[in-house]
Amino acid sequence: MKQYEHPELDSVDIANVLQALADPCRLQIVRHLLESPEQEFACNEFPIEGAKATRSHHFQILRGAGIIRTRVDGTKCMTSLRREELDQRFPGLVAFLTQSAASPASV
């Protein structure tokens, strides 16, 4: 069974988080998670286009930046936002992303 590594947020720098969020596709993934904060999604349930390898790369970058958590559930990889941990480490970041998701033209 595949296991994913998730960094401790104490070791994550805000520059890494912002760099991960700078890509429009990755920002779209995070916005999708913000729309349903209590839900987990399989990788194929995100409204993004691209080859499977490209999608996997985007999830890998977001995991490495400490933004998402992925757990294996049978044959699916379920993804969720590390919202509480992000709020603790980077106060205001999730609120800003939530606000910008409501009005994408402001970002």
N, C-alpha and C. Protein backbone atom coordinates (compact mmCIF):
# COMPACT_ATOMS: atom_id res chain seq x y z
N MET A 1 0.84 -1.18 0.00
CA MET A 1 0.00 0.00 0.00
C MET A 1 0.89 1.24 0.00
N LYS A 2 0.55 2.20 -0.84
CA LYS A 2 1.32 3.43 -0.95
C LYS A 2 1.13 4.28 0.30
N GLN A 3 2.21 4.84 0.77
CA GLN A 3 2.17 5.74 1.92
C GLN A 3 2.69 7.10 1.48
N TYR A 4 2.07 8.15 1.95
CA TYR A 4 2.49 9.50 1.62
C TYR A 4 3.14 10.14 2.83
N GLU A 5 4.15 10.95 2.56
CA GLU A 5 4.82 11.68 3.63
C GLU A 5 4.27 13.09 3.68
N HIS A 6 4.07 13.57 4.90
CA HIS A 6 3.55 14.91 5.12
C HIS A 6 4.50 15.63 6.07
N PRO A 7 5.03 16.77 5.69
CA PRO A 7 5.97 17.46 6.57
C PRO A 7 5.28 18.03 7.80
N GLU A 8 6.03 18.12 8.88
CA GLU A 8 5.55 18.85 10.04
C GLU A 8 5.52 20.32 9.63
N LEU A 9 4.45 21.01 9.92
CA LEU A 9 4.34 22.39 9.46
C LEU A 9 5.35 23.32 10.13
N ASP A 10 5.88 22.92 11.27
CA ASP A 10 6.93 23.73 11.89
C ASP A 10 8.15 23.85 11.00
N SER A 11 8.35 22.86 10.12
CA SER A 11 9.52 22.86 9.24
C SER A 11 9.23 23.49 7.88
N VAL A 12 7.99 23.94 7.66
CA VAL A 12 7.60 24.51 6.38
C VAL A 12 7.71 26.03 6.44
N ASP A 13 8.34 26.60 5.43
CA ASP A 13 8.52 28.04 5.32
C ASP A 13 7.37 28.63 4.51
N ILE A 14 6.94 29.83 4.87
CA ILE A 14 5.84 30.48 4.14
C ILE A 14 6.17 30.65 2.66
N ALA A 15 7.43 30.84 2.33
CA ALA A 15 7.83 30.99 0.92
C ALA A 15 7.49 29.72 0.13
N ASN A 16 7.67 28.55 0.74
CA ASN A 16 7.33 27.29 0.07
C ASN A 16 5.83 27.18 -0.15
N VAL A 17 5.06 27.61 0.83
CA VAL A 17 3.60 27.56 0.73
C VAL A 17 3.13 28.49 -0.39
N LEU A 18 3.65 29.71 -0.39
CA LEU A 18 3.23 30.67 -1.41
C LEU A 18 3.67 30.25 -2.81
N GLN A 19 4.84 29.64 -2.90
CA GLN A 19 5.31 29.15 -4.20
C GLN A 19 4.39 28.04 -4.70
N ALA A 20 3.96 27.15 -3.82
CA ALA A 20 3.04 26.08 -4.21
C ALA A 20 1.70 26.65 -4.66
N LEU A 21 1.25 27.70 -4.00
CA LEU A 21 -0.04 28.30 -4.33
C LEU A 21 0.02 29.23 -5.54
N ALA A 22 1.22 29.53 -6.02
CA ALA A 22 1.38 30.44 -7.15
C ALA A 22 0.92 29.82 -8.47
N ASP A 23 0.85 28.50 -8.53
CA ASP A 23 0.42 27.84 -9.76
C ASP A 23 -1.11 27.84 -9.82
N PRO A 24 -1.70 28.28 -10.93
CA PRO A 24 -3.17 28.35 -11.02
C PRO A 24 -3.86 27.00 -10.81
N CYS A 25 -3.28 25.93 -11.28
CA CYS A 25 -3.89 24.61 -11.12
C CYS A 25 -3.89 24.19 -9.64
N ARG A 26 -2.79 24.42 -8.95
CA ARG A 26 -2.73 24.07 -7.53
C ARG A 26 -3.65 24.96 -6.71
N LEU A 27 -3.75 26.22 -7.08
CA LEU A 27 -4.67 27.12 -6.38
C LEU A 27 -6.11 26.66 -6.60
N GLN A 28 -6.41 26.15 -7.77
CA GLN A 28 -7.75 25.63 -8.05
C GLN A 28 -8.05 24.41 -7.19
N ILE A 29 -7.05 23.55 -6.96
CA ILE A 29 -7.21 22.38 -6.09
C ILE A 29 -7.56 22.85 -4.68
N VAL A 30 -6.81 23.81 -4.17
CA VAL A 30 -7.03 24.32 -2.81
C VAL A 30 -8.40 24.99 -2.71
N ARG A 31 -8.78 25.74 -3.70
CA ARG A 31 -10.09 26.39 -3.69
C ARG A 31 -11.21 25.36 -3.67
N HIS A 32 -11.03 24.27 -4.40
CA HIS A 32 -12.03 23.20 -4.39
C HIS A 32 -12.17 22.62 -2.98
N LEU A 33 -11.05 22.44 -2.30
CA LEU A 33 -11.08 21.93 -0.92
C LEU A 33 -11.73 22.94 0.03
N LEU A 34 -11.52 24.22 -0.22
CA LEU A 34 -12.11 25.26 0.63
C LEU A 34 -13.63 25.32 0.48
N GLU A 35 -14.14 24.93 -0.68
CA GLU A 35 -15.59 24.96 -0.91
C GLU A 35 -16.31 23.90 -0.07
N SER A 36 -15.63 22.82 0.28
CA SER A 36 -16.20 21.74 1.09
C SER A 36 -15.19 21.37 2.17
N PRO A 37 -15.04 22.22 3.17
CA PRO A 37 -13.94 22.07 4.14
C PRO A 37 -13.94 20.77 4.94
N GLU A 38 -15.06 20.14 5.11
CA GLU A 38 -15.12 18.91 5.90
C GLU A 38 -15.01 17.66 5.05
N GLN A 39 -14.82 17.82 3.75
CA GLN A 39 -14.82 16.68 2.85
C GLN A 39 -13.42 16.33 2.37
N GLU A 40 -13.26 15.06 2.02
CA GLU A 40 -12.07 14.58 1.35
C GLU A 40 -12.46 14.25 -0.09
N PHE A 41 -11.51 14.38 -0.99
CA PHE A 41 -11.78 14.10 -2.39
C PHE A 41 -10.72 13.17 -2.96
N ALA A 42 -11.14 12.28 -3.84
CA ALA A 42 -10.20 11.47 -4.60
C ALA A 42 -9.58 12.37 -5.67
N CYS A 43 -8.39 12.05 -6.10
CA CYS A 43 -7.67 12.90 -7.06
C CYS A 43 -8.48 13.17 -8.32
N ASN A 44 -9.26 12.20 -8.76
CA ASN A 44 -10.02 12.39 -10.00
C ASN A 44 -11.29 13.21 -9.79
N GLU A 45 -11.58 13.62 -8.56
CA GLU A 45 -12.77 14.42 -8.28
C GLU A 45 -12.52 15.92 -8.30
N PHE A 46 -11.29 16.31 -8.60
CA PHE A 46 -10.97 17.73 -8.67
C PHE A 46 -11.19 18.24 -10.09
N PRO A 47 -11.75 19.43 -10.22
CA PRO A 47 -12.06 19.98 -11.54
C PRO A 47 -10.84 20.60 -12.22
N ILE A 48 -9.83 19.79 -12.44
CA ILE A 48 -8.62 20.26 -13.13
C ILE A 48 -8.36 19.37 -14.32
N GLU A 49 -7.70 19.94 -15.31
CA GLU A 49 -7.38 19.18 -16.51
C GLU A 49 -5.90 18.84 -16.49
N GLY A 50 -5.54 17.90 -17.34
CA GLY A 50 -4.14 17.53 -17.48
C GLY A 50 -3.95 16.04 -17.35
N ALA A 51 -2.78 15.60 -17.75
CA ALA A 51 -2.42 14.19 -17.67
C ALA A 51 -2.34 13.75 -16.22
N LYS A 52 -2.50 12.46 -15.99
CA LYS A 52 -2.46 11.91 -14.64
C LYS A 52 -1.14 12.25 -13.95
N ALA A 53 -0.04 12.17 -14.68
CA ALA A 53 1.27 12.47 -14.10
C ALA A 53 1.36 13.94 -13.68
N THR A 54 0.79 14.83 -14.47
CA THR A 54 0.80 16.25 -14.13
C THR A 54 -0.04 16.52 -12.90
N ARG A 55 -1.21 15.89 -12.84
CA ARG A 55 -2.07 16.04 -11.67
C ARG A 55 -1.35 15.53 -10.42
N SER A 56 -0.72 14.38 -10.53
CA SER A 56 0.02 13.80 -9.40
C SER A 56 1.12 14.74 -8.94
N HIS A 57 1.78 15.37 -9.89
CA HIS A 57 2.86 16.32 -9.56
C HIS A 57 2.30 17.49 -8.75
N HIS A 58 1.15 18.02 -9.15
CA HIS A 58 0.54 19.13 -8.41
C HIS A 58 0.21 18.73 -6.98
N PHE A 59 -0.34 17.53 -6.80
CA PHE A 59 -0.65 17.06 -5.45
C PHE A 59 0.62 16.86 -4.64
N GLN A 60 1.68 16.38 -5.27
CA GLN A 60 2.96 16.19 -4.59
C GLN A 60 3.51 17.52 -4.09
N ILE A 61 3.44 18.55 -4.92
CA ILE A 61 3.92 19.88 -4.52
C ILE A 61 3.10 20.42 -3.34
N LEU A 62 1.79 20.28 -3.41
CA LEU A 62 0.93 20.75 -2.32
C LEU A 62 1.18 19.98 -1.03
N ARG A 63 1.41 18.68 -1.13
CA ARG A 63 1.74 17.87 0.06
C ARG A 63 3.07 18.32 0.64
N GLY A 64 4.06 18.50 -0.22
CA GLY A 64 5.40 18.90 0.24
C GLY A 64 5.41 20.26 0.92
N ALA A 65 4.48 21.12 0.52
CA ALA A 65 4.37 22.44 1.13
C ALA A 65 3.51 22.42 2.39
N GLY A 66 2.98 21.24 2.73
CA GLY A 66 2.19 21.11 3.95
C GLY A 66 0.76 21.60 3.82
N ILE A 67 0.28 21.79 2.61
CA ILE A 67 -1.05 22.37 2.40
C ILE A 67 -2.15 21.31 2.44
N ILE A 68 -1.86 20.14 1.90
CA ILE A 68 -2.86 19.07 1.86
C ILE A 68 -2.35 17.82 2.56
N ARG A 69 -3.29 16.96 2.90
CA ARG A 69 -2.98 15.65 3.46
C ARG A 69 -3.65 14.63 2.54
N THR A 70 -2.93 13.56 2.24
CA THR A 70 -3.46 12.49 1.41
C THR A 70 -3.39 11.19 2.18
N ARG A 71 -4.50 10.47 2.20
CA ARG A 71 -4.52 9.16 2.85
C ARG A 71 -5.07 8.15 1.85
N VAL A 72 -4.57 6.94 1.98
CA VAL A 72 -5.00 5.86 1.09
C VAL A 72 -6.23 5.20 1.69
N ASP A 73 -7.25 5.03 0.84
CA ASP A 73 -8.49 4.37 1.23
C ASP A 73 -8.79 3.34 0.15
N GLY A 74 -8.30 2.13 0.34
CA GLY A 74 -8.45 1.09 -0.68
C GLY A 74 -7.63 1.44 -1.90
N THR A 75 -8.31 1.64 -3.02
CA THR A 75 -7.60 2.00 -4.26
C THR A 75 -7.61 3.50 -4.51
N LYS A 76 -8.23 4.26 -3.62
CA LYS A 76 -8.32 5.71 -3.79
C LYS A 76 -7.34 6.42 -2.87
N CYS A 77 -6.88 7.56 -3.33
CA CYS A 77 -6.08 8.46 -2.50
C CYS A 77 -6.95 9.66 -2.19
N MET A 78 -7.32 9.80 -0.93
CA MET A 78 -8.24 10.85 -0.51
C MET A 78 -7.45 12.05 0.01
N THR A 79 -7.82 13.22 -0.48
CA THR A 79 -7.09 14.44 -0.18
C THR A 79 -7.96 15.41 0.62
N SER A 80 -7.34 16.04 1.61
CA SER A 80 -8.02 17.06 2.40
C SER A 80 -7.05 18.21 2.68
N LEU A 81 -7.61 19.35 3.03
CA LEU A 81 -6.83 20.53 3.37
C LEU A 81 -6.39 20.44 4.82
N ARG A 82 -5.16 20.79 5.10
CA ARG A 82 -4.66 20.80 6.47
C ARG A 82 -5.01 22.14 7.12
N ARG A 83 -6.26 22.44 7.13
CA ARG A 83 -6.78 23.76 7.51
C ARG A 83 -6.37 24.19 8.92
N GLU A 84 -6.65 23.36 9.90
CA GLU A 84 -6.34 23.75 11.29
C GLU A 84 -4.85 23.95 11.49
N GLU A 85 -4.06 23.05 10.92
CA GLU A 85 -2.60 23.17 11.06
C GLU A 85 -2.09 24.42 10.36
N LEU A 86 -2.64 24.71 9.17
CA LEU A 86 -2.24 25.92 8.44
C LEU A 86 -2.63 27.17 9.21
N ASP A 87 -3.83 27.16 9.82
CA ASP A 87 -4.27 28.30 10.62
C ASP A 87 -3.33 28.56 11.79
N GLN A 88 -2.86 27.49 12.41
CA GLN A 88 -1.93 27.64 13.54
C GLN A 88 -0.58 28.16 13.09
N ARG A 89 -0.06 27.61 12.02
CA ARG A 89 1.30 27.96 11.56
C ARG A 89 1.33 29.30 10.85
N PHE A 90 0.32 29.56 10.02
CA PHE A 90 0.28 30.79 9.22
C PHE A 90 -1.09 31.47 9.40
N PRO A 91 -1.29 32.13 10.55
CA PRO A 91 -2.58 32.75 10.83
C PRO A 91 -2.99 33.72 9.71
N GLY A 92 -4.23 33.57 9.28
CA GLY A 92 -4.77 34.45 8.25
C GLY A 92 -4.65 33.91 6.84
N LEU A 93 -3.79 32.95 6.61
CA LEU A 93 -3.59 32.42 5.25
C LEU A 93 -4.86 31.76 4.72
N VAL A 94 -5.46 30.86 5.50
CA VAL A 94 -6.66 30.17 5.04
C VAL A 94 -7.81 31.14 4.88
N ALA A 95 -7.92 32.10 5.78
CA ALA A 95 -8.97 33.12 5.66
C ALA A 95 -8.79 33.91 4.37
N PHE A 96 -7.56 34.26 4.05
CA PHE A 96 -7.29 34.98 2.80
C PHE A 96 -7.66 34.12 1.60
N LEU A 97 -7.28 32.87 1.62
CA LEU A 97 -7.60 31.98 0.51
C LEU A 97 -9.10 31.77 0.37
N THR A 98 -9.79 31.68 1.50
CA THR A 98 -11.24 31.54 1.49
C THR A 98 -11.88 32.78 0.88
N GLN A 99 -11.41 33.94 1.28
CA GLN A 99 -11.92 35.20 0.75
C GLN A 99 -11.62 35.31 -0.74
N SER A 100 -10.42 34.95 -1.15
CA SER A 100 -10.05 35.05 -2.57
C SER A 100 -10.79 34.01 -3.40
N ALA A 101 -11.19 32.89 -2.79
CA ALA A 101 -11.96 31.89 -3.51
C ALA A 101 -13.36 32.41 -3.80
N ALA A 102 -13.88 33.23 -2.89
CA ALA A 102 -15.22 33.79 -3.07
C ALA A 102 -15.23 34.85 -4.17
N SER A 103 -14.08 35.52 -4.34
CA SER A 103 -13.98 36.54 -5.40
C SER A 103 -12.65 36.39 -6.11
N PRO A 104 -12.52 35.38 -7.02
CA PRO A 104 -11.26 35.07 -7.66
C PRO A 104 -10.61 36.22 -8.41
N ALA A 105 -11.37 37.20 -8.83
CA ALA A 105 -10.78 38.33 -9.55
C ALA A 105 -9.89 39.19 -8.66
N SER A 106 -10.05 39.07 -7.34
CA SER A 106 -9.28 39.90 -6.42
C SER A 106 -7.88 39.37 -6.17
N VAL A 107 -7.57 38.18 -6.65
CA VAL A 107 -6.25 37.60 -6.39
C VAL A 107 -5.29 38.01 -7.47
